[in-house]
Amino acid sequence: MFPLLLVSFLLTVAAGFANPVWWLASAVLLYLAVRHRQGYLGYDAEYRAYRERRIRQDRYDKRYRAERGSTARGK
């Protein structure tokens, strides 16, 4: 989707030299491309970071429970 928006933007900029309405169309396409890219990357990066944090926390909790359980039984 992003490459299509980018190519459309470049085509409307090239057409904009003939008609100022195309400048407005290219601005709209550029805005949509930026918003699409930010939303797509922002959500994925945020979710990936969240999943990695949860996995690390789960590993820590599992290890801590195992260590605490073995020391409690040893006493």
C-alpha atoms as a PDB file:
ATOM      1  CA  MET A   1       0.000   0.000   0.000  1.00  0.00           C
ATOM      2  CA  PHE A   2       2.780   2.432   0.873  1.00  0.00           C
ATOM      3  CA  PRO A   3       4.650   2.054  -2.450  1.00  0.00           C
ATOM      4  CA  LEU A   4       1.389   2.625  -4.320  1.00  0.00           C
ATOM      5  CA  LEU A   5       0.735   5.829  -2.377  1.00  0.00           C
ATOM      6  CA  LEU A   6       4.303   6.982  -2.953  1.00  0.00           C
ATOM      7  CA  VAL A   7       4.123   6.388  -6.725  1.00  0.00           C
ATOM      8  CA  SER A   8       0.745   8.129  -6.844  1.00  0.00           C
ATOM      9  CA  PHE A   9       2.252  11.081  -5.005  1.00  0.00           C
ATOM     10  CA  LEU A  10       5.126  11.347  -7.466  1.00  0.00           C
ATOM     11  CA  LEU A  11       2.752  11.172 -10.436  1.00  0.00           C
ATOM     12  CA  THR A  12       0.504  13.889  -9.038  1.00  0.00           C
ATOM     13  CA  VAL A  13       3.518  16.115  -8.355  1.00  0.00           C
ATOM     14  CA  ALA A  14       4.591  15.682 -11.976  1.00  0.00           C
ATOM     15  CA  ALA A  15       1.046  16.485 -13.127  1.00  0.00           C
ATOM     16  CA  GLY A  16       0.915  19.424 -10.717  1.00  0.00           C
ATOM     17  CA  PHE A  17       3.029  21.563 -13.001  1.00  0.00           C
ATOM     18  CA  ALA A  18       0.108  21.728 -15.408  1.00  0.00           C
ATOM     19  CA  ASN A  19      -2.732  22.242 -12.929  1.00  0.00           C
ATOM     20  CA  PRO A  20      -2.605  23.517  -9.317  1.00  0.00           C
ATOM     21  CA  VAL A  21      -5.425  21.145  -8.298  1.00  0.00           C
ATOM     22  CA  TRP A  22      -2.937  18.288  -8.653  1.00  0.00           C
ATOM     23  CA  TRP A  23      -0.763  19.914  -5.970  1.00  0.00           C
ATOM     24  CA  LEU A  24      -3.662  19.555  -3.562  1.00  0.00           C
ATOM     25  CA  ALA A  25      -4.134  15.927  -4.610  1.00  0.00           C
ATOM     26  CA  SER A  26      -0.427  15.227  -4.089  1.00  0.00           C
ATOM     27  CA  ALA A  27      -0.541  16.819  -0.645  1.00  0.00           C
ATOM     28  CA  VAL A  28      -3.474  14.590   0.309  1.00  0.00           C
ATOM     29  CA  LEU A  29      -1.669  11.500  -0.984  1.00  0.00           C
ATOM     30  CA  LEU A  30       1.494  12.416   0.902  1.00  0.00           C
ATOM     31  CA  TYR A  31      -0.520  12.930   4.089  1.00  0.00           C
ATOM     32  CA  LEU A  32      -2.205   9.529   3.669  1.00  0.00           C
ATOM     33  CA  ALA A  33       1.124   7.827   2.969  1.00  0.00           C
ATOM     34  CA  VAL A  34       2.733   9.307   6.078  1.00  0.00           C
ATOM     35  CA  ARG A  35      -0.239   8.483   8.288  1.00  0.00           C
ATOM     36  CA  HIS A  36      -0.425   4.942   6.926  1.00  0.00           C
ATOM     37  CA  ARG A  37       3.299   4.392   7.464  1.00  0.00           C
ATOM     38  CA  GLN A  38       3.303   5.825  10.978  1.00  0.00           C
ATOM     39  CA  GLY A  39       0.268   3.873  12.063  1.00  0.00           C
ATOM     40  CA  TYR A  40       1.533   0.638  10.599  1.00  0.00           C
ATOM     41  CA  LEU A  41       5.025   0.851  12.040  1.00  0.00           C
ATOM     42  CA  GLY A  42       3.948   2.407  15.309  1.00  0.00           C
ATOM     43  CA  TYR A  43       1.449  -0.296  16.119  1.00  0.00           C
ATOM     44  CA  ASP A  44       3.716  -3.171  15.118  1.00  0.00           C
ATOM     45  CA  ALA A  45       6.719  -1.819  16.988  1.00  0.00           C
ATOM     46  CA  GLU A  46       4.639  -1.095  20.064  1.00  0.00           C
ATOM     47  CA  TYR A  47       3.039  -4.526  20.046  1.00  0.00           C
ATOM     48  CA  ARG A  48       6.373  -6.272  19.429  1.00  0.00           C
ATOM     49  CA  ALA A  49       7.937  -4.407  22.369  1.00  0.00           C
ATOM     50  CA  TYR A  50       4.962  -5.333  24.551  1.00  0.00           C
ATOM     51  CA  ARG A  51       5.233  -9.030  23.614  1.00  0.00           C
ATOM     52  CA  GLU A  52       8.988  -9.071  24.274  1.00  0.00           C
ATOM     53  CA  ARG A  53       8.456  -7.437  27.682  1.00  0.00           C
ATOM     54  CA  ARG A  54       5.779  -9.993  28.544  1.00  0.00           C
ATOM     55  CA  ILE A  55       7.988 -12.899  27.464  1.00  0.00           C
ATOM     56  CA  ARG A  56      10.926 -11.589  29.530  1.00  0.00           C
ATOM     57  CA  GLN A  57       8.659 -11.034  32.527  1.00  0.00           C
ATOM     58  CA  ASP A  58       7.194 -14.525  32.234  1.00  0.00           C
ATOM     59  CA  ARG A  59      10.679 -16.051  32.047  1.00  0.00           C
ATOM     60  CA  TYR A  60      11.771 -14.064  35.084  1.00  0.00           C
ATOM     61  CA  ASP A  61       8.679 -15.062  37.046  1.00  0.00           C
ATOM     62  CA  LYS A  62       9.146 -18.718  36.137  1.00  0.00           C
ATOM     63  CA  ARG A  63      12.823 -18.670  37.145  1.00  0.00           C
ATOM     64  CA  TYR A  64      12.071 -16.775  40.356  1.00  0.00           C
ATOM     65  CA  ARG A  65       9.331 -19.238  41.309  1.00  0.00           C
ATOM     66  CA  ALA A  66      11.645 -22.178  40.605  1.00  0.00           C
ATOM     67  CA  GLU A  67      14.486 -20.699  42.688  1.00  0.00           C
ATOM     68  CA  ARG A  68      12.226 -19.665  45.532  1.00  0.00           C
ATOM     69  CA  GLY A  69      10.515 -23.043  45.583  1.00  0.00           C
ATOM     70  CA  SER A  70      13.813 -24.962  45.724  1.00  0.00           C
ATOM     71  CA  THR A  71      15.255 -22.783  48.525  1.00  0.00           C
ATOM     72  CA  ALA A  72      12.039 -22.983  50.551  1.00  0.00           C
ATOM     73  CA  ARG A  73      12.110 -26.799  50.354  1.00  0.00           C
ATOM     74  CA  GLY A  74      15.795 -26.892  51.242  1.00  0.00           C
ATOM     75  CA  LYS A  75      15.323 -25.124  54.588  1.00  0.00           C
END
